[in-house]
Amino acid sequence: METIYTCTNLNCSYPGNTQYEIRFKSESIMDHHNMAATFCPFCKKEMLPAHSHLNDIPETPIENLSSHL
């Protein structure tokens, strides 16, 4: 599964037909809460997650982790 960030600036200078996006493989992101801000290389605006599938993952409290291993 991938995490996709897109530029939401309507006046971005990206020359493509769609909005500029960056894709990260799931193994390259350890924790979506500790992700650095991503900026568009064309307009320098902060990019936002396009698909927030990570928000659908329930968080497990630390004290309950041993029961899930």
PDB file of N, CA and C in Angstrom:
ATOM      1  N   MET A   1       0.841  -1.172   0.000  1.00  0.00           N
ATOM      2  CA  MET A   1       0.000   0.000   0.000  1.00  0.00           C
ATOM      3  C   MET A   1       0.891   1.242   0.000  1.00  0.00           C
ATOM      4  N   GLU A   2       0.459   2.283  -0.622  1.00  0.00           N
ATOM      5  CA  GLU A   2       1.226   3.521  -0.727  1.00  0.00           C
ATOM      6  C   GLU A   2       0.520   4.662  -0.011  1.00  0.00           C
ATOM      7  N   THR A   3       1.311   5.628   0.414  1.00  0.00           N
ATOM      8  CA  THR A   3       0.777   6.886   0.927  1.00  0.00           C
ATOM      9  C   THR A   3       1.070   7.928  -0.134  1.00  0.00           C
ATOM     10  N   ILE A   4       0.044   8.641  -0.542  1.00  0.00           N
ATOM     11  CA  ILE A   4       0.177   9.609  -1.635  1.00  0.00           C
ATOM     12  C   ILE A   4      -0.074  11.013  -1.092  1.00  0.00           C
ATOM     13  N   TYR A   5       0.862  11.914  -1.374  1.00  0.00           N
ATOM     14  CA  TYR A   5       0.704  13.323  -1.030  1.00  0.00           C
ATOM     15  C   TYR A   5       0.531  14.100  -2.324  1.00  0.00           C
ATOM     16  N   THR A   6      -0.439  15.021  -2.354  1.00  0.00           N
ATOM     17  CA  THR A   6      -0.677  15.828  -3.542  1.00  0.00           C
ATOM     18  C   THR A   6      -0.598  17.319  -3.220  1.00  0.00           C
ATOM     19  N   CYS A   7      -0.228  18.068  -4.234  1.00  0.00           N
ATOM     20  CA  CYS A   7      -0.210  19.520  -4.119  1.00  0.00           C
ATOM     21  C   CYS A   7      -1.647  20.000  -4.324  1.00  0.00           C
ATOM     22  N   THR A   8      -2.126  20.811  -3.409  1.00  0.00           N
ATOM     23  CA  THR A   8      -3.502  21.305  -3.504  1.00  0.00           C
ATOM     24  C   THR A   8      -3.577  22.753  -3.985  1.00  0.00           C
ATOM     25  N   ASN A   9      -2.431  23.317  -4.364  1.00  0.00           N
ATOM     26  CA  ASN A   9      -2.384  24.688  -4.864  1.00  0.00           C
ATOM     27  C   ASN A   9      -2.950  24.728  -6.286  1.00  0.00           C
ATOM     28  N   LEU A  10      -4.042  25.431  -6.484  1.00  0.00           N
ATOM     29  CA  LEU A  10      -4.673  25.518  -7.807  1.00  0.00           C
ATOM     30  C   LEU A  10      -3.814  26.286  -8.809  1.00  0.00           C
ATOM     31  N   ASN A  11      -2.891  27.099  -8.336  1.00  0.00           N
ATOM     32  CA  ASN A  11      -2.018  27.881  -9.209  1.00  0.00           C
ATOM     33  C   ASN A  11      -0.606  27.313  -9.276  1.00  0.00           C
ATOM     34  N   CYS A  12      -0.440  26.035  -8.975  1.00  0.00           N
ATOM     35  CA  CYS A  12       0.878  25.397  -9.002  1.00  0.00           C
ATOM     36  C   CYS A  12       1.422  25.403 -10.432  1.00  0.00           C
ATOM     37  N   SER A  13       2.739  25.538 -10.552  1.00  0.00           N
ATOM     38  CA  SER A  13       3.365  25.591 -11.872  1.00  0.00           C
ATOM     39  C   SER A  13       3.742  24.209 -12.408  1.00  0.00           C
ATOM     40  N   TYR A  14       3.271  23.141 -11.778  1.00  0.00           N
ATOM     41  CA  TYR A  14       3.550  21.783 -12.261  1.00  0.00           C
ATOM     42  C   TYR A  14       3.029  21.642 -13.689  1.00  0.00           C
ATOM     43  N   PRO A  15       3.865  21.184 -14.624  1.00  0.00           N
ATOM     44  CA  PRO A  15       3.473  21.146 -16.037  1.00  0.00           C
ATOM     45  C   PRO A  15       2.584  19.959 -16.431  1.00  0.00           C
ATOM     46  N   GLY A  16       2.289  19.053 -15.514  1.00  0.00           N
ATOM     47  CA  GLY A  16       1.473  17.880 -15.848  1.00  0.00           C
ATOM     48  C   GLY A  16      -0.008  18.203 -15.990  1.00  0.00           C
ATOM     49  N   ASN A  17      -0.781  17.211 -16.414  1.00  0.00           N
ATOM     50  CA  ASN A  17      -2.221  17.380 -16.606  1.00  0.00           C
ATOM     51  C   ASN A  17      -3.009  17.258 -15.316  1.00  0.00           C
ATOM     52  N   THR A  18      -2.396  16.676 -14.282  1.00  0.00           N
ATOM     53  CA  THR A  18      -3.058  16.521 -12.987  1.00  0.00           C
ATOM     54  C   THR A  18      -2.235  17.250 -11.931  1.00  0.00           C
ATOM     55  N   GLN A  19      -2.672  17.169 -10.692  1.00  0.00           N
ATOM     56  CA  GLN A  19      -1.912  17.777  -9.609  1.00  0.00           C
ATOM     57  C   GLN A  19      -0.631  16.975  -9.372  1.00  0.00           C
ATOM     58  N   TYR A  20       0.418  17.664  -8.930  1.00  0.00           N
ATOM     59  CA  TYR A  20       1.676  16.988  -8.626  1.00  0.00           C
ATOM     60  C   TYR A  20       1.468  16.100  -7.408  1.00  0.00           C
ATOM     61  N   GLU A  21       1.998  14.878  -7.448  1.00  0.00           N
ATOM     62  CA  GLU A  21       1.885  13.987  -6.305  1.00  0.00           C
ATOM     63  C   GLU A  21       3.187  13.231  -6.073  1.00  0.00           C
ATOM     64  N   ILE A  22       3.393  12.867  -4.820  1.00  0.00           N
ATOM     65  CA  ILE A  22       4.533  12.056  -4.409  1.00  0.00           C
ATOM     66  C   ILE A  22       3.961  10.799  -3.758  1.00  0.00           C
ATOM     67  N   ARG A  23       4.539   9.640  -4.121  1.00  0.00           N
ATOM     68  CA  ARG A  23       4.099   8.363  -3.556  1.00  0.00           C
ATOM     69  C   ARG A  23       5.211   7.789  -2.682  1.00  0.00           C
ATOM     70  N   PHE A  24       4.817   7.346  -1.498  1.00  0.00           N
ATOM     71  CA  PHE A  24       5.746   6.703  -0.585  1.00  0.00           C
ATOM     72  C   PHE A  24       5.282   5.269  -0.358  1.00  0.00           C
ATOM     73  N   LYS A  25       6.206   4.323  -0.482  1.00  0.00           N
ATOM     74  CA  LYS A  25       5.882   2.937  -0.176  1.00  0.00           C
ATOM     75  C   LYS A  25       5.671   2.817   1.327  1.00  0.00           C
ATOM     76  N   SER A  26       4.795   1.911   1.721  1.00  0.00           N
ATOM     77  CA  SER A  26       4.461   1.773   3.137  1.00  0.00           C
ATOM     78  C   SER A  26       5.678   1.452   3.998  1.00  0.00           C
ATOM     79  N   GLU A  27       6.636   0.708   3.457  1.00  0.00           N
ATOM     80  CA  GLU A  27       7.816   0.354   4.255  1.00  0.00           C
ATOM     81  C   GLU A  27       8.766   1.533   4.463  1.00  0.00           C
ATOM     82  N   SER A  28       8.572   2.634   3.734  1.00  0.00           N
ATOM     83  CA  SER A  28       9.444   3.789   3.910  1.00  0.00           C
ATOM     84  C   SER A  28       8.934   4.767   4.972  1.00  0.00           C
ATOM     85  N   ILE A  29       7.726   4.526   5.492  1.00  0.00           N
ATOM     86  CA  ILE A  29       7.154   5.388   6.524  1.00  0.00           C
ATOM     87  C   ILE A  29       6.942   4.545   7.774  1.00  0.00           C
ATOM     88  N   MET A  30       7.677   4.869   8.828  1.00  0.00           N
ATOM     89  CA  MET A  30       7.578   4.093  10.053  1.00  0.00           C
ATOM     90  C   MET A  30       6.264   4.363  10.776  1.00  0.00           C
ATOM     91  N   ASP A  31       5.873   5.616  10.857  1.00  0.00           N
ATOM     92  CA  ASP A  31       4.718   6.001  11.658  1.00  0.00           C
ATOM     93  C   ASP A  31       4.119   7.258  11.035  1.00  0.00           C
ATOM     94  N   HIS A  32       2.857   7.216  10.654  1.00  0.00           N
ATOM     95  CA  HIS A  32       2.260   8.376   9.989  1.00  0.00           C
ATOM     96  C   HIS A  32       2.128   9.587  10.906  1.00  0.00           C
ATOM     97  N   HIS A  33       2.262   9.401  12.221  1.00  0.00           N
ATOM     98  CA  HIS A  33       2.231  10.537  13.145  1.00  0.00           C
ATOM     99  C   HIS A  33       3.565  11.282  13.164  1.00  0.00           C
ATOM    100  N   ASN A  34       4.623  10.638  12.702  1.00  0.00           N
ATOM    101  CA  ASN A  34       5.958  11.241  12.726  1.00  0.00           C
ATOM    102  C   ASN A  34       6.482  11.538  11.325  1.00  0.00           C
ATOM    103  N   MET A  35       5.607  11.764  10.400  1.00  0.00           N
ATOM    104  CA  MET A  35       5.977  12.062   9.023  1.00  0.00           C
ATOM    105  C   MET A  35       6.359  13.538   8.914  1.00  0.00           C
ATOM    106  N   ALA A  36       7.464  13.812   8.250  1.00  0.00           N
ATOM    107  CA  ALA A  36       7.880  15.201   8.032  1.00  0.00           C
ATOM    108  C   ALA A  36       6.939  15.871   7.038  1.00  0.00           C
ATOM    109  N   ALA A  37       6.862  17.171   7.080  1.00  0.00           N
ATOM    110  CA  ALA A  37       6.041  17.907   6.125  1.00  0.00           C
ATOM    111  C   ALA A  37       6.630  17.748   4.726  1.00  0.00           C
ATOM    112  N   THR A  38       5.772  17.586   3.746  1.00  0.00           N
ATOM    113  CA  THR A  38       6.182  17.421   2.355  1.00  0.00           C
ATOM    114  C   THR A  38       5.780  18.670   1.583  1.00  0.00           C
ATOM    115  N   PHE A  39       6.720  19.209   0.796  1.00  0.00           N
ATOM    116  CA  PHE A  39       6.453  20.438   0.052  1.00  0.00           C
ATOM    117  C   PHE A  39       6.582  20.191  -1.444  1.00  0.00           C
ATOM    118  N   CYS A  40       5.740  20.851  -2.210  1.00  0.00           N
ATOM    119  CA  CYS A  40       5.753  20.739  -3.658  1.00  0.00           C
ATOM    120  C   CYS A  40       7.034  21.390  -4.199  1.00  0.00           C
ATOM    121  N   PRO A  41       7.788  20.703  -5.047  1.00  0.00           N
ATOM    122  CA  PRO A  41       9.011  21.291  -5.593  1.00  0.00           C
ATOM    123  C   PRO A  41       8.741  22.405  -6.614  1.00  0.00           C
ATOM    124  N   PHE A  42       7.509  22.531  -7.069  1.00  0.00           N
ATOM    125  CA  PHE A  42       7.182  23.533  -8.088  1.00  0.00           C
ATOM    126  C   PHE A  42       6.682  24.846  -7.488  1.00  0.00           C
ATOM    127  N   CYS A  43       5.772  24.763  -6.504  1.00  0.00           N
ATOM    128  CA  CYS A  43       5.210  25.997  -5.944  1.00  0.00           C
ATOM    129  C   CYS A  43       5.603  26.220  -4.482  1.00  0.00           C
ATOM    130  N   LYS A  44       6.277  25.234  -3.866  1.00  0.00           N
ATOM    131  CA  LYS A  44       6.777  25.318  -2.491  1.00  0.00           C
ATOM    132  C   LYS A  44       5.678  25.317  -1.430  1.00  0.00           C
ATOM    133  N   LYS A  45       4.455  24.962  -1.781  1.00  0.00           N
ATOM    134  CA  LYS A  45       3.358  24.855  -0.812  1.00  0.00           C
ATOM    135  C   LYS A  45       3.388  23.476  -0.161  1.00  0.00           C
ATOM    136  N   GLU A  46       2.894  23.389   1.077  1.00  0.00           N
ATOM    137  CA  GLU A  46       2.848  22.104   1.763  1.00  0.00           C
ATOM    138  C   GLU A  46       1.841  21.182   1.081  1.00  0.00           C
ATOM    139  N   MET A  47       2.254  19.925   0.915  1.00  0.00           N
ATOM    140  CA  MET A  47       1.380  18.936   0.274  1.00  0.00           C
ATOM    141  C   MET A  47       0.604  18.185   1.350  1.00  0.00           C
ATOM    142  N   LEU A  48      -0.588  17.724   0.997  1.00  0.00           N
ATOM    143  CA  LEU A  48      -1.455  17.017   1.939  1.00  0.00           C
ATOM    144  C   LEU A  48      -1.682  15.586   1.484  1.00  0.00           C
ATOM    145  N   PRO A  49      -1.962  14.694   2.438  1.00  0.00           N
ATOM    146  CA  PRO A  49      -2.248  13.305   2.051  1.00  0.00           C
ATOM    147  C   PRO A  49      -3.484  13.238   1.162  1.00  0.00           C
ATOM    148  N   ALA A  50      -3.357  12.542   0.050  1.00  0.00           N
ATOM    149  CA  ALA A  50      -4.482  12.411  -0.873  1.00  0.00           C
ATOM    150  C   ALA A  50      -5.428  11.317  -0.412  1.00  0.00           C
ATOM    151  N   HIS A  51      -4.852  10.228   0.090  1.00  0.00           N
ATOM    152  CA  HIS A  51      -5.649   9.100   0.554  1.00  0.00           C
ATOM    153  C   HIS A  51      -5.329   8.894   2.015  1.00  0.00           C
ATOM    154  N   SER A  52      -6.303   9.086   2.843  1.00  0.00           N
ATOM    155  CA  SER A  52      -6.036   8.968   4.274  1.00  0.00           C
ATOM    156  C   SER A  52      -6.401   7.584   4.786  1.00  0.00           C
ATOM    157  N   HIS A  53      -5.938   6.529   4.068  1.00  0.00           N
ATOM    158  CA  HIS A  53      -6.218   5.177   4.522  1.00  0.00           C
ATOM    159  C   HIS A  53      -5.560   4.891   5.859  1.00  0.00           C
ATOM    160  N   LEU A  54      -4.537   5.644   6.234  1.00  0.00           N
ATOM    161  CA  LEU A  54      -3.879   5.429   7.510  1.00  0.00           C
ATOM    162  C   LEU A  54      -4.797   5.805   8.668  1.00  0.00           C
ATOM    163  N   ASN A  55      -5.739   6.696   8.422  1.00  0.00           N
ATOM    164  CA  ASN A  55      -6.682   7.075   9.476  1.00  0.00           C
ATOM    165  C   ASN A  55      -7.673   5.957   9.777  1.00  0.00           C
ATOM    166  N   ASP A  56      -7.775   4.975   8.894  1.00  0.00           N
ATOM    167  CA  ASP A  56      -8.701   3.873   9.095  1.00  0.00           C
ATOM    168  C   ASP A  56      -8.112   2.773   9.969  1.00  0.00           C
ATOM    169  N   ILE A  57      -6.811   2.859  10.262  1.00  0.00           N
ATOM    170  CA  ILE A  57      -6.161   1.841  11.072  1.00  0.00           C
ATOM    171  C   ILE A  57      -6.391   2.173  12.538  1.00  0.00           C
ATOM    172  N   PRO A  58      -7.016   1.277  13.293  1.00  0.00           N
ATOM    173  CA  PRO A  58      -7.236   1.578  14.713  1.00  0.00           C
ATOM    174  C   PRO A  58      -5.918   1.567  15.478  1.00  0.00           C
ATOM    175  N   GLU A  59      -5.784   2.490  16.403  1.00  0.00           N
ATOM    176  CA  GLU A  59      -4.576   2.546  17.202  1.00  0.00           C
ATOM    177  C   GLU A  59      -4.720   1.614  18.401  1.00  0.00           C
ATOM    178  N   THR A  60      -3.649   0.892  18.713  1.00  0.00           N
ATOM    179  CA  THR A  60      -3.642  -0.022  19.834  1.00  0.00           C
ATOM    180  C   THR A  60      -2.832   0.601  20.953  1.00  0.00           C
ATOM    181  N   PRO A  61      -3.424   0.732  22.146  1.00  0.00           N
ATOM    182  CA  PRO A  61      -2.654   1.282  23.272  1.00  0.00           C
ATOM    183  C   PRO A  61      -1.430   0.409  23.552  1.00  0.00           C
ATOM    184  N   ILE A  62      -0.344   1.010  24.026  1.00  0.00           N
ATOM    185  CA  ILE A  62       0.911   0.307  24.268  1.00  0.00           C
ATOM    186  C   ILE A  62       0.720  -0.873  25.189  1.00  0.00           C
ATOM    187  N   GLU A  63      -0.098  -0.727  26.222  1.00  0.00           N
ATOM    188  CA  GLU A  63      -0.276  -1.818  27.174  1.00  0.00           C
ATOM    189  C   GLU A  63      -0.959  -3.036  26.563  1.00  0.00           C
ATOM    190  N   ASN A  64      -1.613  -2.866  25.401  1.00  0.00           N
ATOM    191  CA  ASN A  64      -2.286  -3.989  24.740  1.00  0.00           C
ATOM    192  C   ASN A  64      -1.476  -4.592  23.601  1.00  0.00           C
ATOM    193  N   LEU A  65      -0.284  -4.072  23.340  1.00  0.00           N
ATOM    194  CA  LEU A  65       0.509  -4.551  22.223  1.00  0.00           C
ATOM    195  C   LEU A  65       0.911  -6.016  22.372  1.00  0.00           C
ATOM    196  N   SER A  66       1.248  -6.466  23.571  1.00  0.00           N
ATOM    197  CA  SER A  66       1.704  -7.840  23.753  1.00  0.00           C
ATOM    198  C   SER A  66       0.636  -8.846  23.358  1.00  0.00           C
ATOM    199  N   SER A  67      -0.619  -8.501  23.461  1.00  0.00           N
ATOM    200  CA  SER A  67      -1.687  -9.424  23.072  1.00  0.00           C
ATOM    201  C   SER A  67      -1.851  -9.495  21.573  1.00  0.00           C
ATOM    202  N   HIS A  68      -1.256  -8.545  20.822  1.00  0.00           N
ATOM    203  CA  HIS A  68      -1.367  -8.527  19.368  1.00  0.00           C
ATOM    204  C   HIS A  68      -0.141  -9.128  18.677  1.00  0.00           C
ATOM    205  N   LEU A  69       0.878  -9.495  19.438  1.00  0.00           N
ATOM    206  CA  LEU A  69       2.109 -10.025  18.851  1.00  0.00           C
ATOM    207  C   LEU A  69       2.068 -11.520  18.727  1.00  0.00           C
TER     208      LEU A  69
END
